[in-house]
Amino acid sequence: MITAEAGSAAGGLYLHAASQHVRRRLSAWLAALGLSHERRPEGPLVTADAFGTLPALLDMFSPTERADLFAAPCRTDGSPDAWQMAPLERWVQRLDSGWFFGASERLRFHLQPIVALRGGEVYGYEALVRAEGEGGAGLIGAGPLLQAACTHGQARAFDAQARRGAIRQIYPQLAPGQVLFINFAPGVVYNPDVCLQTTFQTCREVGADFSRLLFEVTESEAFPDLGLLRRILDRYRAEGAQVALDDLGAGHTSLTYLAELRPDVVKLDRALISGLHGSDRRTPLVLALVEYAHDLGIRVVAEGIETETELRLVRELGADYAQGYFLGRPAPLPAGVTPDAARVWEKG
């Protein structure tokens, strides 16, 4: 459960400098900026009414100096809460993203089609998390949500809540046989037998066919150790679900992981696909990656398809599926492929 109670700074923030140099500079800048604070034996206490000046204070320090600058919330008895001490930079981010806790209760999902390249039909949809802004302020994208979750120490809870929300909201909308792609961050799963139980329970609550669920390692998450990742994927598969690795050819998805883990699906990094054409030097590399994956029994998704040329070429190179704006932009409801993409299969 995501809770706003941990890390509250309503009573103010004690500032602490880990080095004498930064301590002197902190005192000087507090005075120069006229930042309202109380001098206490535990250190300067910045009251809540002065939090708006903290970003300006932080700007006065170099990245190296910021590493020595910390803050801890003031307890009700007036003492600093050492358990909640964190870099001042993180506290500034927390104070700037108080909207996160309300937004996490208003999660919505946009769907982007993943299309089978042989016949042009929609194989499935990837659920992309969004949140409704407060008071009809529009949608908040995945990037700010994930960053705020990490800032508030809620990455594990948010990841689980997003998984469950995607299953509840999206799975019932899919046509028979279509697969739901659900992102997950392996680094927040410390024990798959424990951490994934609520996800599996949600699947059962909606009557999901596990074979139509595909859990995909998110592109932004550095893989944990290979053994843990294997146990996570095996636990999903033990329930009958499929698994996928993202960004083959870039980032953390190496050929070693591909061979060791043998996922059902792998996604080619969009940097390999963007602007791809017949005489492109990347073309032999894409072909080799597709053939290597197929030799291991792994199906391939080409991501980032934005032109007809890219679509035709990845189809010729043997990819199994494709995803990208040319085929369909993320939308609140399953929308199928775009007319321009459909004409590619009509032409043959």
Protein backbone atom coordinates (compact mmCIF):
# COMPACT_ATOMS: atom_id res chain seq x y z
CA MET A 1 0.00 0.00 0.00
CA ILE A 2 1.22 3.49 -0.88
CA THR A 3 1.14 5.75 2.17
CA ALA A 4 2.01 9.41 2.62
CA GLU A 5 2.75 9.07 6.31
CA ALA A 6 6.40 8.03 6.03
CA GLY A 7 8.75 10.93 5.50
CA SER A 8 6.33 13.73 6.44
CA ALA A 9 8.08 17.08 6.94
CA ALA A 10 5.16 19.09 8.32
CA GLY A 11 7.20 20.01 11.41
CA GLY A 12 10.10 21.34 9.37
CA LEU A 13 13.45 19.98 8.18
CA TYR A 14 16.75 19.89 10.03
CA LEU A 15 19.69 20.52 7.71
CA HIS A 16 22.98 18.71 8.19
CA ALA A 17 26.29 19.13 6.37
CA ALA A 18 28.67 16.19 6.42
CA SER A 19 31.81 18.28 5.88
CA GLN A 20 33.08 21.46 7.48
CA HIS A 21 33.41 23.16 4.10
CA VAL A 22 29.75 22.54 3.21
CA ARG A 23 28.69 23.47 6.76
CA ARG A 24 30.30 26.91 6.41
CA ARG A 25 28.74 27.43 3.00
CA LEU A 26 25.35 26.33 4.31
CA SER A 27 25.42 28.91 7.09
CA ALA A 28 26.48 31.62 4.65
CA TRP A 29 23.79 30.86 2.10
CA LEU A 30 21.03 30.55 4.69
CA ALA A 31 21.84 34.11 5.70
CA ALA A 32 22.36 35.41 2.17
CA LEU A 33 19.06 34.02 0.91
CA GLY A 34 17.18 35.18 3.99
CA LEU A 35 15.82 31.66 4.38
CA SER A 36 13.63 31.51 7.47
CA HIS A 37 15.07 29.01 9.95
CA GLU A 38 15.68 28.39 13.62
CA ARG A 39 19.16 27.86 15.03
CA ARG A 40 19.17 24.76 17.23
CA PRO A 41 21.90 22.56 18.73
CA GLU A 42 20.94 19.80 16.29
CA GLY A 43 21.43 22.15 13.34
CA PRO A 44 19.40 24.74 11.43
CA LEU A 45 15.68 23.90 11.31
CA VAL A 46 13.89 25.15 8.19
CA THR A 47 10.20 25.60 8.93
CA ALA A 48 7.50 24.48 6.51
CA ASP A 49 6.65 28.06 5.45
CA ALA A 50 10.18 28.40 4.00
CA PHE A 51 10.24 25.15 2.00
CA GLY A 52 9.68 27.08 -1.23
CA THR A 53 13.18 28.58 -0.88
CA LEU A 54 14.96 25.23 -0.58
CA PRO A 55 15.43 24.74 -4.36
CA ALA A 56 17.25 28.08 -4.53
CA LEU A 57 19.43 27.01 -1.60
CA LEU A 58 20.26 23.75 -3.30
CA ASP A 59 21.28 25.60 -6.47
CA MET A 60 24.07 27.31 -4.52
CA PHE A 61 25.95 24.02 -4.14
CA SER A 62 27.86 22.00 -6.72
CA PRO A 63 26.87 18.36 -7.39
CA THR A 64 29.84 17.25 -5.27
CA GLU A 65 28.83 19.50 -2.38
CA ARG A 66 25.22 18.34 -2.58
CA ALA A 67 26.37 14.83 -1.75
CA ASP A 68 27.36 16.17 1.71
CA LEU A 69 24.09 17.99 2.34
CA PHE A 70 21.32 16.12 4.20
CA ALA A 71 17.95 16.79 5.80
CA ALA A 72 15.82 15.06 8.42
CA PRO A 73 12.23 15.85 9.42
CA CYS A 74 11.46 17.30 12.82
CA ARG A 75 9.58 15.02 15.19
CA THR A 76 6.66 16.23 17.30
CA ASP A 77 9.02 16.45 20.29
CA GLY A 78 11.30 18.79 18.34
CA SER A 79 14.13 16.32 17.70
CA PRO A 80 15.35 15.26 14.24
CA ASP A 81 14.07 11.93 12.92
CA ALA A 82 17.39 10.27 12.05
CA TRP A 83 15.62 7.30 10.43
CA GLN A 84 14.21 9.64 7.78
CA MET A 85 17.47 11.45 7.04
CA ALA A 86 18.13 11.67 3.30
CA PRO A 87 19.99 13.95 0.88
CA LEU A 88 18.50 17.43 0.83
CA GLU A 89 18.10 17.07 -2.93
CA ARG A 90 15.77 14.13 -2.40
CA TRP A 91 13.77 16.04 0.20
CA VAL A 92 13.34 18.92 -2.24
CA GLN A 93 12.03 16.43 -4.82
CA ARG A 94 9.65 14.95 -2.23
CA LEU A 95 8.28 18.35 -1.30
CA ASP A 96 7.79 19.14 -4.98
CA SER A 97 5.89 15.90 -5.66
CA GLY A 98 3.38 15.74 -2.85
CA TRP A 99 0.78 15.19 -5.60
CA PHE A 100 2.07 11.62 -6.01
CA PHE A 101 0.04 10.05 -3.20
CA GLY A 102 -3.29 11.30 -4.52
CA ALA A 103 -2.34 10.51 -8.10
CA SER A 104 -1.43 6.92 -7.21
CA GLU A 105 -5.08 6.39 -6.27
CA ARG A 106 -6.19 7.59 -9.73
CA LEU A 107 -4.16 5.33 -12.01
CA ARG A 108 -5.33 4.86 -15.58
CA PHE A 109 -3.77 2.98 -18.47
CA HIS A 110 -3.29 3.69 -22.14
CA LEU A 111 -2.95 0.80 -24.54
CA GLN A 112 -0.52 0.50 -27.44
CA PRO A 113 -1.05 -2.33 -29.94
CA ILE A 114 1.56 -4.98 -30.62
CA VAL A 115 0.93 -6.32 -34.10
CA ALA A 116 1.72 -9.72 -35.59
CA LEU A 117 3.84 -9.09 -38.67
CA ARG A 118 2.69 -12.14 -40.58
CA GLY A 119 -0.98 -11.21 -40.87
CA GLY A 120 -1.30 -7.71 -39.45
CA GLU A 121 -3.67 -8.63 -36.63
CA VAL A 122 -3.29 -7.22 -33.11
CA TYR A 123 -1.47 -9.81 -31.00
CA GLY A 124 -1.87 -7.82 -27.80
CA TYR A 125 -1.59 -4.47 -26.05
CA GLU A 126 1.01 -2.99 -23.73
CA ALA A 127 -0.51 -1.26 -20.70
CA LEU A 128 1.19 2.11 -20.14
CA VAL A 129 0.51 3.68 -16.75
CA ARG A 130 -0.89 7.18 -16.37
CA ALA A 131 -2.64 9.04 -13.53
CA GLU A 132 -5.40 11.60 -13.50
CA GLY A 133 -4.19 14.96 -12.23
CA GLU A 134 -6.02 16.56 -9.36
CA GLY A 135 -9.07 18.60 -10.28
CA GLY A 136 -9.05 17.60 -13.94
CA ALA A 137 -5.51 18.85 -14.50
CA GLY A 138 -4.87 16.26 -17.21
CA LEU A 139 -2.91 13.03 -17.24
CA ILE A 140 0.44 12.51 -15.52
CA GLY A 141 2.79 10.32 -17.55
CA ALA A 142 4.75 7.27 -16.51
CA GLY A 143 8.08 9.13 -16.19
CA PRO A 144 7.01 11.60 -13.48
CA LEU A 145 5.05 8.88 -11.66
CA LEU A 146 8.00 6.50 -11.52
CA GLN A 147 10.43 9.24 -10.50
CA ALA A 148 8.10 10.40 -7.72
CA ALA A 149 7.61 6.81 -6.52
CA CYS A 150 11.38 6.38 -6.17
CA THR A 151 11.77 9.79 -4.52
CA HIS A 152 9.21 8.89 -1.84
CA GLY A 153 10.58 5.38 -1.32
CA GLN A 154 7.42 3.87 -2.79
CA ALA A 155 8.85 2.13 -5.88
CA ARG A 156 7.92 -1.37 -4.70
CA ALA A 157 4.37 -0.42 -3.71
CA PHE A 158 3.78 1.60 -6.88
CA ASP A 159 5.07 -1.16 -9.15
CA ALA A 160 2.72 -3.69 -7.53
CA GLN A 161 -0.23 -1.29 -7.61
CA ALA A 162 0.33 -0.55 -11.30
CA ARG A 163 0.49 -4.26 -12.14
CA ARG A 164 -2.77 -4.95 -10.33
CA GLY A 165 -4.44 -1.89 -11.86
CA ALA A 166 -3.48 -2.91 -15.41
CA ILE A 167 -4.94 -6.37 -14.89
CA ARG A 168 -8.18 -5.09 -13.37
CA GLN A 169 -8.78 -2.27 -15.85
CA ILE A 170 -7.43 -3.63 -19.12
CA TYR A 171 -7.69 -7.40 -19.26
CA PRO A 172 -11.52 -7.40 -19.40
CA GLN A 173 -11.38 -5.05 -22.43
CA LEU A 174 -9.27 -7.35 -24.61
CA ALA A 175 -10.69 -9.42 -27.42
CA PRO A 176 -10.50 -13.21 -27.04
CA GLY A 177 -6.94 -14.45 -27.54
CA GLN A 178 -5.27 -11.04 -27.25
CA VAL A 179 -2.35 -10.76 -24.81
CA LEU A 180 -1.85 -8.09 -22.16
CA PHE A 181 1.77 -6.85 -21.80
CA ILE A 182 2.39 -5.69 -18.21
CA ASN A 183 5.58 -3.89 -17.21
CA PHE A 184 7.37 -4.76 -14.00
CA ALA A 185 10.61 -3.70 -12.33
CA PRO A 186 12.64 -6.71 -11.16
CA GLY A 187 14.62 -4.65 -8.67
CA VAL A 188 11.56 -4.20 -6.43
CA VAL A 189 10.89 -7.94 -6.16
CA TYR A 190 13.08 -9.26 -3.35
CA ASN A 191 11.25 -12.60 -3.04
CA PRO A 192 9.01 -13.67 -5.94
CA ASP A 193 7.05 -16.11 -3.79
CA VAL A 194 6.04 -13.23 -1.52
CA CYS A 195 6.05 -10.11 -3.69
CA LEU A 196 3.99 -11.48 -6.58
CA GLN A 197 1.13 -12.99 -4.58
CA THR A 198 -1.12 -9.92 -4.81
CA THR A 199 -0.55 -9.80 -8.58
CA PHE A 200 -1.59 -13.44 -8.96
CA GLN A 201 -4.60 -12.90 -6.70
CA THR A 202 -5.77 -10.02 -8.90
CA CYS A 203 -5.44 -12.26 -11.96
CA ARG A 204 -7.70 -14.81 -10.33
CA GLU A 205 -10.20 -12.15 -9.26
CA VAL A 206 -10.77 -11.06 -12.87
CA GLY A 207 -10.73 -14.63 -14.16
CA ALA A 208 -7.65 -14.01 -16.30
CA ASP A 209 -6.23 -16.71 -18.52
CA PHE A 210 -2.58 -16.60 -17.39
CA SER A 211 -1.38 -17.61 -20.85
CA ARG A 212 -2.73 -14.26 -22.11
CA LEU A 213 -0.63 -12.28 -19.61
CA LEU A 214 2.92 -11.32 -20.52
CA PHE A 215 5.10 -9.72 -17.84
CA GLU A 216 7.80 -7.51 -19.30
CA VAL A 217 10.97 -6.32 -17.57
CA THR A 218 10.94 -2.53 -17.79
CA GLU A 219 13.61 -0.78 -19.84
CA SER A 220 14.59 1.66 -17.09
CA GLU A 221 15.38 -0.94 -14.46
CA ALA A 222 18.93 -2.28 -14.12
CA PHE A 223 18.70 -6.03 -13.74
CA PRO A 224 19.35 -7.53 -10.35
CA ASP A 225 21.58 -10.59 -10.18
CA LEU A 226 20.89 -13.24 -12.78
CA GLY A 227 19.79 -15.83 -10.23
CA LEU A 228 17.12 -13.56 -8.75
CA LEU A 229 15.86 -12.52 -12.16
CA ARG A 230 15.58 -16.16 -13.20
CA ARG A 231 13.55 -16.96 -10.08
CA ILE A 232 11.21 -14.04 -10.79
CA LEU A 233 10.60 -15.10 -14.38
CA ASP A 234 10.21 -18.74 -13.38
CA ARG A 235 7.58 -17.76 -10.80
CA TYR A 236 5.54 -15.95 -13.43
CA ARG A 237 5.85 -18.92 -15.75
CA ALA A 238 4.83 -21.36 -13.02
CA GLU A 239 1.41 -19.65 -13.05
CA GLY A 240 1.21 -20.06 -16.84
CA ALA A 241 2.11 -16.49 -17.79
CA GLN A 242 4.62 -15.43 -20.46
CA VAL A 243 7.67 -13.23 -19.83
CA ALA A 244 9.66 -10.77 -21.91
CA LEU A 245 12.93 -8.86 -21.82
CA ASP A 246 13.12 -5.33 -23.19
CA ASP A 247 15.74 -3.38 -25.15
CA LEU A 248 17.86 -6.12 -26.72
CA GLY A 249 20.86 -4.42 -28.26
CA ALA A 250 21.12 -1.66 -25.65
CA GLY A 251 21.07 -1.05 -21.93
CA HIS A 252 21.09 -4.04 -19.63
CA THR A 253 19.62 -6.70 -21.93
CA SER A 254 22.67 -8.62 -23.10
CA LEU A 255 22.94 -11.75 -25.20
CA THR A 256 24.06 -13.57 -22.05
CA TYR A 257 20.78 -12.80 -20.30
CA LEU A 258 18.87 -13.85 -23.39
CA ALA A 259 20.56 -17.24 -23.53
CA GLU A 260 20.40 -17.86 -19.79
CA LEU A 261 16.80 -16.79 -19.21
CA ARG A 262 15.15 -17.86 -22.48
CA PRO A 263 12.16 -15.48 -22.23
CA ASP A 264 9.13 -16.07 -24.42
CA VAL A 265 9.56 -12.69 -26.10
CA VAL A 266 12.33 -10.11 -26.47
CA LYS A 267 11.97 -6.53 -27.67
CA LEU A 268 14.62 -4.99 -29.91
CA ASP A 269 15.81 -1.61 -28.70
CA ARG A 270 14.19 1.23 -30.62
CA ALA A 271 17.62 2.73 -31.35
CA LEU A 272 18.21 -0.23 -33.68
CA ILE A 273 14.97 0.46 -35.56
CA SER A 274 14.65 4.23 -35.75
CA GLY A 275 15.31 5.36 -39.31
CA LEU A 276 16.23 1.85 -40.45
CA HIS A 277 16.49 1.35 -44.23
CA GLY A 278 17.75 -1.30 -46.61
CA SER A 279 21.34 -0.05 -46.94
CA ASP A 280 21.59 0.82 -43.24
CA ARG A 281 24.65 -0.63 -41.50
CA ARG A 282 22.39 -1.73 -38.64
CA THR A 283 20.38 -4.02 -40.89
CA PRO A 284 22.78 -7.02 -40.63
CA LEU A 285 22.88 -6.56 -36.85
CA VAL A 286 19.08 -6.58 -36.58
CA LEU A 287 18.95 -9.69 -38.77
CA ALA A 288 21.57 -11.44 -36.61
CA LEU A 289 19.70 -10.59 -33.39
CA VAL A 290 16.41 -11.84 -34.79
CA GLU A 291 17.99 -15.09 -35.97
CA TYR A 292 19.80 -15.57 -32.65
CA ALA A 293 16.58 -15.12 -30.70
CA HIS A 294 14.74 -17.53 -33.00
CA ASP A 295 17.49 -20.12 -32.55
CA LEU A 296 16.74 -19.94 -28.81
CA GLY A 297 13.00 -20.28 -29.39
CA ILE A 298 12.31 -16.63 -28.53
CA ARG A 299 9.87 -14.44 -30.45
CA VAL A 300 10.93 -10.89 -31.37
CA VAL A 301 9.13 -7.54 -31.14
CA ALA A 302 10.54 -4.60 -33.12
CA GLU A 303 9.83 -1.43 -31.11
CA GLY A 304 9.65 2.17 -32.26
CA ILE A 305 8.12 1.64 -35.72
CA GLU A 306 7.27 5.10 -37.04
CA THR A 307 7.36 4.69 -40.83
CA GLU A 308 6.15 2.28 -43.47
CA THR A 309 9.76 1.66 -44.52
CA GLU A 310 10.70 0.51 -41.01
CA LEU A 311 7.63 -1.72 -40.84
CA ARG A 312 8.33 -3.41 -44.15
CA LEU A 313 11.99 -3.91 -43.34
CA VAL A 314 11.55 -5.51 -39.91
CA ARG A 315 8.97 -7.81 -41.46
CA GLU A 316 11.48 -8.82 -44.14
CA LEU A 317 14.16 -9.36 -41.46
CA GLY A 318 11.96 -11.91 -39.71
CA ALA A 319 10.68 -10.11 -36.61
CA ASP A 320 7.47 -11.65 -35.26
CA TYR A 321 5.72 -8.52 -33.98
CA ALA A 322 6.02 -4.75 -34.20
CA GLN A 323 5.06 -1.81 -32.00
CA GLY A 324 5.20 1.93 -32.59
CA TYR A 325 3.31 5.08 -33.55
CA PHE A 326 2.95 4.02 -37.19
CA LEU A 327 0.93 1.02 -36.00
CA GLY A 328 -0.96 2.76 -33.22
CA ARG A 329 -0.43 5.40 -30.55
CA PRO A 330 -1.26 4.73 -26.90
CA ALA A 331 -4.99 5.23 -26.34
CA PRO A 332 -7.46 4.74 -23.47
CA LEU A 333 -9.29 1.94 -25.32
CA PRO A 334 -8.14 -0.89 -27.63
CA ALA A 335 -8.08 0.78 -31.04
CA GLY A 336 -6.48 -1.67 -33.47
CA VAL A 337 -3.92 -0.66 -36.09
CA THR A 338 -3.87 2.64 -37.98
CA PRO A 339 -5.30 2.79 -41.52
CA ASP A 340 -1.82 3.49 -42.93
CA ALA A 341 -0.42 0.39 -41.28
CA ALA A 342 -3.37 -1.76 -42.38
CA ARG A 343 -2.68 -0.78 -45.99
CA VAL A 344 0.80 -2.30 -45.75
CA TRP A 345 -0.75 -5.77 -45.40
CA GLU A 346 -3.38 -4.98 -48.04
CA LYS A 347 -0.59 -4.25 -50.51
CA GLY A 348 1.14 -7.51 -49.54
